[in-house]
């Protein structure tokens, strides 16, 4: 009996140890499944996750007109059943991005949950409506004609740059092009060595084709910032289009021995006293530097913020590098900032947003790139809801600024290359030099499109803007 009790005691201890080990195993398994599964699935070394990603057809990406710009095609065999295909290659690459066995970019990344079918609402709706889980298609706001015009015009110019077109009334992005671009089909390979060669080649290529200049690169604001300065001046109530300003050939910067010079080296207007409207049309640097000194840095910064500068949260849903305006500066810096000198940097998207805000009676709509997410039977999961983003200035002041902008494209103005026969075009051009910036909207009386064009070297920014606007309006 004593020996039996000793054996039973030993068995009980072994049983407890086994039970503890089993409990620990189950607890660890639960932890892995509940808390670590996402990171394990995302681990690039997880071959099963990569294979599963391409085991079913991914949702298509379509333009607003219904043109397929990204889709899935069956492979010839192997562990990967589908691969991504981009029918229009370079033209839409800044928008679609690309999908590889590694990280995705562009809309492929931003709408990953919907395109892969992992989105909870997509799963539920597809089960209810179709009876099986399926990925969703994404329809963009991009117009075929506008995108083609933007990309081909940039390509013909032959200099790195970007162009963006926006519907001022809604914020819908009608075109988003960057040059040089790349063929995303080059990334649609499952050969790790080949993929590494592609990444290495494109990352070292002249012109940085992988860079989406439209949303990810910033440039000196140049004369486009005079839209902000003019809006700030009008908003004070102390300036109007007919207000006369000092416009000498040169203006000394306070506290320095440096001067601001007009581009042509001459005074602006009659007797160096141009009106605000005339100074705006002629892009008179000394007059606008004087406005900056009168307004002060805080007023300029507040107006810049009203246009969307210094806003870190903007996505369309592509991430957007913030356009910036430096608020910590002395008076001489303020004078330079007012004419678009050091202190202000803009994305091409922001260049378009400047015109879009004025065109929409001073209300800037939040820009967006995705019109709807829908199942393959056509049922809509999500649809875009246009919403105000910023109030930049009062409607009557926006009307005054519009009237000044229309003088840019009239005969004798500096932006006649953007004029469209029979249509009033409002614009702001930059002076000679690089980068070349141009922003405009049309028709001035009932705007349908606002554009921003940036070229990194001197080039035909105004004709590019005109071509894009014609594509939208035709």
Protein backbone atom coordinates (compact mmCIF):
# COMPACT_ATOMS: atom_id res chain seq x y z
CA UNK A 1 0.00 0.00 0.00
CA UNK A 2 2.79 2.38 0.90
CA UNK A 3 4.57 1.64 -2.39
CA UNK A 4 1.33 2.24 -4.33
CA UNK A 5 0.85 5.58 -2.60
CA UNK A 6 4.41 6.57 -3.58
CA UNK A 7 3.78 5.64 -7.23
CA UNK A 8 0.46 7.49 -7.26
CA UNK A 9 2.12 10.59 -5.81
CA UNK A 10 4.76 10.50 -8.52
CA UNK A 11 2.13 10.07 -11.23
CA UNK A 12 0.17 13.01 -9.86
CA UNK A 13 3.27 15.21 -9.97
CA UNK A 14 4.02 14.13 -13.54
CA UNK A 15 0.39 14.75 -14.47
CA UNK A 16 0.53 18.25 -12.99
CA UNK A 17 3.74 19.01 -14.87
CA UNK A 18 2.23 17.72 -18.12
CA UNK A 19 -0.95 19.72 -17.49
CA UNK A 20 1.14 22.85 -16.83
CA UNK A 21 3.13 22.30 -19.99
CA UNK A 22 -0.07 21.74 -21.99
CA UNK A 23 -1.59 24.91 -20.53
CA UNK A 24 1.56 26.89 -21.40
CA UNK A 25 1.49 25.48 -24.94
CA UNK A 26 -2.18 26.37 -25.40
CA UNK A 27 -1.61 29.85 -23.92
CA UNK A 28 1.30 30.47 -26.28
CA UNK A 29 -0.72 29.18 -29.24
CA UNK A 30 -3.60 31.48 -28.31
CA UNK A 31 -1.23 34.44 -27.98
CA UNK A 32 0.31 33.75 -31.38
CA UNK A 33 -3.08 33.39 -33.06
CA UNK A 34 -4.68 36.36 -31.34
CA UNK A 35 -1.84 38.87 -31.13
CA UNK A 36 1.04 37.82 -33.36
CA UNK A 37 -0.68 36.49 -36.47
CA UNK A 38 -0.74 39.86 -38.19
CA UNK A 39 2.98 40.48 -37.75
CA UNK A 40 3.79 36.91 -38.80
CA UNK A 41 1.64 37.25 -41.91
CA UNK A 42 3.33 40.55 -42.73
CA UNK A 43 6.82 39.14 -42.25
CA UNK A 44 8.48 39.18 -45.70
CA UNK A 45 10.12 35.83 -44.88
CA UNK A 46 6.71 34.15 -44.60
CA UNK A 47 6.43 32.35 -47.92
CA UNK A 48 2.96 30.99 -47.13
CA UNK A 49 1.60 34.52 -46.64
CA UNK A 50 3.10 35.64 -49.96
CA UNK A 51 1.60 32.67 -51.78
CA UNK A 52 -1.80 33.27 -50.17
CA UNK A 53 -1.67 36.91 -51.27
CA UNK A 54 -1.65 35.82 -54.90
CA UNK A 55 -3.86 32.75 -54.54
CA UNK A 56 -7.03 34.61 -55.57
CA UNK A 57 -7.60 37.43 -58.08
CA UNK A 58 -7.15 40.84 -56.51
CA UNK A 59 -9.66 43.62 -57.11
CA UNK A 60 -9.20 45.78 -60.18
CA UNK A 61 -8.33 49.48 -60.17
CA UNK A 62 -10.30 51.49 -62.71
CA UNK A 63 -10.29 55.08 -63.91
CA UNK A 64 -13.41 57.18 -63.47
CA UNK A 65 -14.34 56.30 -67.07
CA UNK A 66 -14.11 52.57 -66.32
CA UNK A 67 -10.73 51.89 -67.94
CA UNK A 68 -8.89 49.10 -66.16
CA UNK A 69 -5.50 50.38 -64.98
CA UNK A 70 -4.60 47.46 -62.69
CA UNK A 71 -5.88 43.89 -62.71
CA UNK A 72 -4.91 40.29 -61.91
CA UNK A 73 -3.91 37.69 -64.50
CA UNK A 74 -3.41 33.97 -64.08
CA UNK A 75 0.17 32.74 -64.15
CA UNK A 76 1.47 29.78 -66.12
CA UNK A 77 1.86 27.70 -62.99
CA UNK A 78 3.91 27.43 -59.83
CA UNK A 79 2.90 28.33 -56.29
CA UNK A 80 1.63 31.80 -57.32
CA UNK A 81 -1.67 31.57 -59.20
CA UNK A 82 -2.11 35.25 -60.10
CA UNK A 83 0.14 38.20 -60.86
CA UNK A 84 -0.62 41.90 -61.17
CA UNK A 85 -0.88 43.55 -64.60
CA UNK A 86 -0.92 47.28 -65.42
CA UNK A 87 -2.26 47.87 -68.97
CA UNK A 88 -1.27 51.55 -69.12
CA UNK A 89 2.10 51.27 -67.43
CA UNK A 90 3.94 54.54 -66.92
CA UNK A 91 0.98 56.88 -67.37
CA UNK A 92 -0.90 55.65 -64.29
CA UNK A 93 2.07 54.42 -62.23
CA UNK A 94 2.13 57.42 -59.83
CA UNK A 95 -1.50 56.62 -59.00
CA UNK A 96 -1.69 52.83 -58.99
CA UNK A 97 1.80 52.21 -57.66
CA UNK A 98 2.74 48.54 -57.90
CA UNK A 99 2.23 45.25 -56.10
CA UNK A 100 5.12 42.83 -55.67
CA UNK A 101 5.92 39.88 -53.46
CA UNK A 102 7.19 42.57 -51.07
CA UNK A 103 5.66 45.92 -50.07
CA UNK A 104 3.09 47.64 -52.28
CA UNK A 105 2.98 51.32 -53.24
CA UNK A 106 0.37 53.83 -54.44
CA UNK A 107 -3.31 52.93 -54.41
CA UNK A 108 -2.28 49.26 -54.29
CA UNK A 109 -1.01 49.98 -50.78
CA UNK A 110 -3.51 52.63 -49.66
CA UNK A 111 -6.52 50.43 -50.57
CA UNK A 112 -4.89 47.10 -49.71
CA UNK A 113 -7.75 45.92 -47.47
CA UNK A 114 -10.42 46.49 -50.13
CA UNK A 115 -8.38 45.20 -53.08
CA UNK A 116 -7.34 42.05 -51.23
CA UNK A 117 -10.80 41.42 -49.77
CA UNK A 118 -9.54 41.65 -46.18
CA UNK A 119 -11.76 44.65 -45.40
CA UNK A 120 -14.52 43.57 -43.00
CA UNK A 121 -17.27 45.37 -44.89
CA UNK A 122 -16.11 43.93 -48.21
CA UNK A 123 -16.11 40.41 -46.70
CA UNK A 124 -19.60 40.77 -45.25
CA UNK A 125 -21.17 42.36 -48.33
CA UNK A 126 -19.61 39.86 -50.72
CA UNK A 127 -20.86 36.95 -48.62
CA UNK A 128 -24.37 38.41 -48.49
CA UNK A 129 -24.62 39.48 -52.14
CA UNK A 130 -22.45 36.94 -53.95
CA UNK A 131 -22.27 34.04 -51.51
CA UNK A 132 -18.50 33.93 -51.29
CA UNK A 133 -15.69 36.18 -50.11
CA UNK A 134 -14.29 38.28 -52.92
CA UNK A 135 -11.99 41.26 -53.32
CA UNK A 136 -13.45 44.66 -54.23
CA UNK A 137 -12.71 46.85 -57.22
CA UNK A 138 -11.61 50.46 -56.74
CA UNK A 139 -12.85 53.17 -59.09
CA UNK A 140 -10.70 56.30 -59.16
CA UNK A 141 -11.64 59.92 -59.84
CA UNK A 142 -9.01 60.10 -62.59
CA UNK A 143 -10.26 61.11 -66.04
CA UNK A 144 -8.73 59.16 -68.94
CA UNK A 145 -8.46 62.26 -71.13
CA UNK A 146 -7.03 64.47 -68.41
CA UNK A 147 -4.47 61.88 -67.29
CA UNK A 148 -3.36 61.23 -70.86
CA UNK A 149 -3.01 64.97 -71.51
CA UNK A 150 -1.05 65.52 -68.30
CA UNK A 151 1.40 62.67 -68.77
CA UNK A 152 1.97 63.13 -72.50
CA UNK A 153 2.51 66.88 -72.07
CA UNK A 154 5.06 66.31 -69.32
CA UNK A 155 6.77 63.68 -71.43
CA UNK A 156 6.91 66.01 -74.44
CA UNK A 157 8.43 68.75 -72.26
CA UNK A 158 11.21 66.30 -71.44
CA UNK A 159 12.02 67.71 -68.00
CA UNK A 160 11.22 66.20 -64.59
CA UNK A 161 7.99 67.54 -63.19
CA UNK A 162 4.39 66.84 -62.27
CA UNK A 163 0.88 68.00 -63.05
CA UNK A 164 -2.36 67.76 -61.07
CA UNK A 165 -5.93 68.63 -62.02
CA UNK A 166 -8.78 69.00 -59.51
CA UNK A 167 -12.52 69.56 -59.73
CA UNK A 168 -12.82 72.72 -57.57
CA UNK A 169 -16.43 72.04 -56.59
CA UNK A 170 -15.80 68.54 -55.19
CA UNK A 171 -12.06 68.09 -54.67
CA UNK A 172 -11.97 65.08 -57.02
CA UNK A 173 -8.49 64.62 -58.52
CA UNK A 174 -8.96 64.46 -62.29
CA UNK A 175 -5.30 63.95 -63.21
CA UNK A 176 -2.16 63.16 -61.25
CA UNK A 177 0.93 62.67 -63.38
CA UNK A 178 4.65 62.58 -62.63
CA UNK A 179 7.56 62.48 -65.07
CA UNK A 180 9.75 60.55 -65.54
CA UNK A 181 7.68 57.54 -64.59
CA UNK A 182 8.21 53.78 -64.67
CA UNK A 183 6.46 50.63 -65.83
CA UNK A 184 4.92 48.93 -62.75
CA UNK A 185 4.76 45.66 -64.70
CA UNK A 186 8.51 45.38 -64.12
CA UNK A 187 7.69 44.67 -60.46
CA UNK A 188 5.16 41.94 -61.25
CA UNK A 189 7.68 39.11 -60.87
CA UNK A 190 8.09 36.44 -58.21
CA UNK A 191 11.76 35.97 -58.98
CA UNK A 192 13.56 37.53 -56.00
CA UNK A 193 16.77 38.12 -57.93
CA UNK A 194 14.94 39.73 -60.86
CA UNK A 195 12.93 41.90 -58.48
CA UNK A 196 16.11 43.08 -56.76
CA UNK A 197 17.62 44.01 -60.14
CA UNK A 198 14.51 46.04 -61.06
CA UNK A 199 14.53 47.90 -57.76
CA UNK A 200 18.23 48.61 -58.03
CA UNK A 201 17.96 49.81 -61.64
CA UNK A 202 14.99 52.14 -61.05
CA UNK A 203 16.28 53.51 -57.77
CA UNK A 204 19.48 54.58 -59.55
CA UNK A 205 17.86 55.74 -62.81
CA UNK A 206 18.26 59.39 -63.85
CA UNK A 207 15.29 61.53 -62.89
CA UNK A 208 14.20 59.28 -60.00
CA UNK A 209 11.26 57.64 -61.83
CA UNK A 210 10.00 55.95 -58.65
CA UNK A 211 9.41 59.36 -57.06
CA UNK A 212 5.81 60.54 -57.25
CA UNK A 213 6.57 64.23 -57.67
CA UNK A 214 2.89 65.21 -57.62
CA UNK A 215 2.41 64.37 -53.94
CA UNK A 216 5.79 63.45 -52.45
CA UNK A 217 8.12 66.24 -53.61
CA UNK A 218 8.10 69.92 -52.65
CA UNK A 219 9.46 72.90 -54.56
CA UNK A 220 10.07 76.60 -53.83
CA UNK A 221 6.66 78.27 -54.06
CA UNK A 222 7.87 81.09 -56.30
CA UNK A 223 5.33 83.55 -57.64
CA UNK A 224 2.50 81.09 -57.00
CA UNK A 225 2.74 82.21 -53.36
CA UNK A 226 1.61 85.69 -54.45
CA UNK A 227 -1.88 84.20 -54.52
CA UNK A 228 -1.53 83.69 -50.77
CA UNK A 229 -0.09 87.17 -50.24
CA UNK A 230 -2.86 88.77 -52.30
CA UNK A 231 -5.55 86.83 -50.43
CA UNK A 232 -4.06 87.94 -47.11
CA UNK A 233 -3.98 91.56 -48.26
CA UNK A 234 -7.60 91.51 -49.46
CA UNK A 235 -8.74 89.84 -46.22
CA UNK A 236 -7.44 92.76 -44.12
CA UNK A 237 -9.89 95.15 -45.78
CA UNK A 238 -7.05 97.64 -46.26
CA UNK A 239 -6.33 96.55 -49.82
CA UNK A 240 -8.46 96.24 -52.93
CA UNK A 241 -7.70 95.65 -56.61
CA UNK A 242 -7.47 99.42 -57.18
CA UNK A 243 -5.23 100.14 -54.16
CA UNK A 244 -2.00 101.82 -55.26
CA UNK A 245 1.27 100.35 -54.00
CA UNK A 246 4.90 101.44 -54.04
CA UNK A 247 6.62 99.57 -56.87
CA UNK A 248 10.19 100.84 -57.14
CA UNK A 249 12.82 99.13 -59.24
CA UNK A 250 14.42 97.85 -56.06
CA UNK A 251 13.47 97.67 -52.37
CA UNK A 252 15.96 97.46 -49.53
CA UNK A 253 15.34 94.64 -47.09
CA UNK A 254 15.04 95.89 -43.50
CA UNK A 255 18.14 95.44 -41.38
CA UNK A 256 20.30 94.35 -44.33
CA UNK A 257 22.27 95.77 -47.21
CA UNK A 258 20.40 93.53 -49.67
CA UNK A 259 17.67 94.53 -52.10
CA UNK A 260 14.66 92.95 -53.79
CA UNK A 261 14.84 93.68 -57.53
CA UNK A 262 12.10 93.44 -60.11
CA UNK A 263 12.80 90.89 -62.82
CA UNK A 264 13.18 93.50 -65.56
CA UNK A 265 15.07 95.91 -63.30
CA UNK A 266 12.46 98.63 -63.79
CA UNK A 267 9.77 100.20 -61.58
CA UNK A 268 6.24 98.78 -61.78
CA UNK A 269 3.36 100.76 -63.21
CA UNK A 270 3.11 104.45 -63.91
CA UNK A 271 5.41 106.49 -61.66
CA UNK A 272 6.26 103.30 -59.71
CA UNK A 273 2.73 103.28 -58.21
CA UNK A 274 0.93 100.23 -59.61
CA UNK A 275 -2.49 99.16 -58.40
CA UNK A 276 -2.69 95.82 -56.62
CA UNK A 277 -4.33 94.34 -59.74
CA UNK A 278 -1.54 95.66 -61.95
CA UNK A 279 1.16 94.50 -59.55
CA UNK A 280 -0.45 91.05 -59.51
CA UNK A 281 -0.56 90.83 -63.30
CA UNK A 282 3.05 91.98 -63.64
CA UNK A 283 4.20 89.91 -60.63
CA UNK A 284 5.89 93.02 -59.24
CA UNK A 285 8.34 91.74 -56.64
CA UNK A 286 9.01 95.06 -54.90
CA UNK A 287 5.29 95.78 -54.51
CA UNK A 288 4.60 92.35 -53.02
CA UNK A 289 7.64 92.52 -50.77
CA UNK A 290 6.20 95.80 -49.46
CA UNK A 291 2.84 94.11 -48.85
CA UNK A 292 4.63 91.40 -46.88
CA UNK A 293 6.31 94.00 -44.70
CA UNK A 294 2.97 95.70 -44.04
CA UNK A 295 1.07 92.49 -43.28
CA UNK A 296 3.73 90.84 -41.14
CA UNK A 297 4.75 87.23 -40.76
CA UNK A 298 1.79 86.12 -38.62
CA UNK A 299 -0.80 87.30 -41.15
CA UNK A 300 1.01 85.59 -44.01
CA UNK A 301 1.37 82.38 -42.03
CA UNK A 302 -2.32 82.35 -41.06
CA UNK A 303 -3.33 82.82 -44.70
CA UNK A 304 -0.92 80.11 -45.84
CA UNK A 305 -2.39 77.74 -43.25
CA UNK A 306 -5.87 78.57 -44.56
CA UNK A 307 -4.78 77.29 -47.98
CA UNK A 308 -3.51 74.03 -46.45
CA UNK A 309 0.16 74.77 -45.82
CA UNK A 310 1.74 73.08 -42.79
CA UNK A 311 -1.03 70.44 -42.67
CA UNK A 312 0.57 67.06 -41.89
CA UNK A 313 -2.58 64.93 -42.00
CA UNK A 314 -3.59 65.14 -45.66
CA UNK A 315 -4.02 61.88 -47.59
CA UNK A 316 -5.95 61.43 -50.82
CA UNK A 317 -5.58 58.43 -49.81
CA UNK A 318 -1.99 58.54 -51.08
CA UNK A 319 0.14 60.18 -48.41
CA UNK A 320 0.92 63.81 -49.25
CA UNK A 321 4.13 65.54 -48.19
CA UNK A 322 3.09 68.74 -46.37
CA UNK A 323 3.58 72.02 -48.19
CA UNK A 324 5.33 74.32 -45.75
CA UNK A 325 5.55 77.95 -44.80
CA UNK A 326 8.18 78.96 -42.26
CA UNK A 327 6.62 81.16 -39.59
CA UNK A 328 9.79 81.98 -37.65
CA UNK A 329 11.54 84.76 -39.53
CA UNK A 330 12.70 88.38 -39.36
CA UNK A 331 11.16 91.21 -41.41
CA UNK A 332 13.55 90.82 -44.32
CA UNK A 333 12.66 87.14 -44.52
CA UNK A 334 8.96 88.08 -44.42
CA UNK A 335 9.41 90.38 -47.41
CA UNK A 336 11.09 87.60 -49.38
CA UNK A 337 8.49 85.04 -48.33
CA UNK A 338 5.69 87.31 -49.61
CA UNK A 339 7.10 87.07 -53.14
CA UNK A 340 7.62 83.32 -52.94
CA UNK A 341 11.21 83.40 -51.76
CA UNK A 342 12.75 81.27 -49.02
CA UNK A 343 10.27 79.98 -46.48
CA UNK A 344 7.58 78.48 -48.70
CA UNK A 345 7.60 75.06 -50.39
CA UNK A 346 4.77 73.43 -52.30
CA UNK A 347 3.82 70.10 -53.81
CA UNK A 348 2.33 70.20 -57.32
CA UNK A 349 -0.91 69.10 -55.64
CA UNK A 350 -0.81 72.26 -53.50
CA UNK A 351 -0.18 74.38 -56.60
CA UNK A 352 -3.47 73.05 -57.99
CA UNK A 353 -5.20 73.50 -54.63
CA UNK A 354 -4.33 77.22 -54.62
CA UNK A 355 -6.41 77.76 -57.75
CA UNK A 356 -9.10 75.30 -56.66
CA UNK A 357 -9.71 77.30 -53.47
CA UNK A 358 -10.15 80.59 -55.33
CA UNK A 359 -12.29 78.94 -58.00
CA UNK A 360 -14.73 77.56 -55.41
CA UNK A 361 -15.56 80.96 -53.90
CA UNK A 362 -12.82 80.67 -51.30
CA UNK A 363 -13.72 77.20 -50.00
CA UNK A 364 -11.08 74.55 -50.59
CA UNK A 365 -12.60 71.08 -50.87
CA UNK A 366 -10.65 68.12 -49.50
CA UNK A 367 -8.87 66.50 -52.47
CA UNK A 368 -9.58 62.81 -53.02
CA UNK A 369 -8.57 60.16 -55.52
CA UNK A 370 -11.04 57.29 -54.96
CA UNK A 371 -14.61 57.65 -56.21
CA UNK A 372 -15.94 54.34 -54.96
CA UNK A 373 -15.17 50.85 -53.73
CA UNK A 374 -17.50 48.25 -55.23
CA UNK A 375 -18.01 44.53 -55.62
CA UNK A 376 -17.73 42.85 -58.97
CA UNK A 377 -21.51 42.69 -59.32
CA UNK A 378 -21.50 46.51 -59.29
CA UNK A 379 -22.84 46.99 -55.75
CA UNK A 380 -21.12 49.92 -54.04
CA UNK A 381 -19.43 49.37 -50.68
CA UNK A 382 -18.20 52.95 -50.20
CA UNK A 383 -18.64 56.12 -52.24
CA UNK A 384 -16.73 59.38 -51.88
CA UNK A 385 -18.46 62.20 -50.03
CA UNK A 386 -17.00 65.60 -51.02
CA UNK A 387 -16.28 67.73 -47.96
CA UNK A 388 -14.83 71.20 -47.26
CA UNK A 389 -11.18 71.16 -46.20
CA UNK A 390 -10.31 74.82 -45.62
CA UNK A 391 -11.99 78.23 -45.81
CA UNK A 392 -9.38 80.39 -47.48
CA UNK A 393 -11.18 83.70 -48.00
CA UNK A 394 -14.67 85.21 -48.30
CA UNK A 395 -16.59 84.63 -51.56
CA UNK A 396 -16.54 88.30 -52.59
CA UNK A 397 -12.78 88.43 -52.07
CA UNK A 398 -12.37 85.22 -54.07
CA UNK A 399 -14.28 86.97 -56.85
CA UNK A 400 -11.87 89.91 -56.74
CA UNK A 401 -8.88 87.58 -56.85
CA UNK A 402 -10.45 85.67 -59.76
CA UNK A 403 -10.81 88.90 -61.72
CA UNK A 404 -7.12 89.64 -61.16
CA UNK A 405 -6.14 86.12 -62.20
CA UNK A 406 -8.00 86.41 -65.50
CA UNK A 407 -5.74 89.30 -66.54
CA UNK A 408 -2.82 86.86 -66.58
CA UNK A 409 -4.11 85.03 -69.66
CA UNK A 410 -5.51 88.02 -71.57
CA UNK A 411 -3.58 89.58 -74.44
CA UNK A 412 -0.53 91.31 -73.01
CA UNK A 413 -0.53 89.17 -69.85
CA UNK A 414 2.33 86.86 -68.92
CA UNK A 415 0.23 83.68 -69.15
CA UNK A 416 -1.32 83.91 -72.61
CA UNK A 417 0.12 80.48 -73.43
CA UNK A 418 -2.60 79.06 -71.15
CA UNK A 419 -5.44 80.95 -72.87
CA UNK A 420 -8.25 78.86 -74.36
CA UNK A 421 -10.25 80.43 -77.21
CA UNK A 422 -13.78 81.26 -76.09
CA UNK A 423 -13.12 80.38 -72.44
CA UNK A 424 -12.01 82.76 -69.69
CA UNK A 425 -9.00 81.30 -67.87
CA UNK A 426 -7.82 82.52 -64.44
CA UNK A 427 -4.16 81.87 -63.68
CA UNK A 428 -0.97 82.79 -61.87
CA UNK A 429 2.34 82.33 -63.61
CA UNK A 430 5.84 82.24 -62.20
CA UNK A 431 8.71 84.30 -63.48
CA UNK A 432 11.55 82.87 -65.57
CA UNK A 433 13.83 80.31 -64.00
CA UNK A 434 13.43 77.03 -62.25
CA UNK A 435 11.30 75.49 -61.07
CA UNK A 436 8.64 76.61 -63.53
CA UNK A 437 5.25 76.78 -61.74
CA UNK A 438 1.84 77.53 -63.20
CA UNK A 439 -1.61 77.33 -61.65
CA UNK A 440 -4.94 78.07 -63.30
CA UNK A 441 -8.65 77.29 -63.42
CA UNK A 442 -11.36 77.44 -66.06
CA UNK A 443 -13.91 78.58 -66.98
CA UNK A 444 -13.33 81.55 -64.69
CA UNK A 445 -17.07 82.22 -64.31
CA UNK A 446 -18.13 78.60 -63.70
CA UNK A 447 -14.99 76.61 -62.84
CA UNK A 448 -14.80 72.93 -63.74
CA UNK A 449 -11.07 72.30 -63.43
CA UNK A 450 -8.10 73.71 -61.53
CA UNK A 451 -4.56 72.71 -62.45
CA UNK A 452 -1.07 72.91 -61.02
CA UNK A 453 2.05 72.27 -63.08
CA UNK A 454 5.64 72.18 -61.84
CA UNK A 455 8.71 71.65 -64.02
CA UNK A 456 12.08 71.30 -62.33
CA UNK A 457 13.81 73.16 -65.16
CA UNK A 458 12.55 76.11 -67.25
CA UNK A 459 9.88 74.79 -69.56
CA UNK A 460 6.36 75.14 -71.00
CA UNK A 461 4.31 74.97 -67.80
CA UNK A 462 1.50 77.21 -69.11
CA UNK A 463 0.88 75.20 -72.33
CA UNK A 464 0.78 72.00 -70.27
CA UNK A 465 -1.87 73.55 -68.02
CA UNK A 466 -3.88 74.62 -71.06
CA UNK A 467 -3.73 71.13 -72.59
CA UNK A 468 -5.01 69.53 -69.38
CA UNK A 469 -7.84 72.05 -68.99
CA UNK A 470 -8.89 71.54 -72.62
CA UNK A 471 -8.95 67.77 -72.06
CA UNK A 472 -11.32 68.19 -69.10
CA UNK A 473 -13.55 70.79 -70.77
CA UNK A 474 -13.82 69.11 -74.17
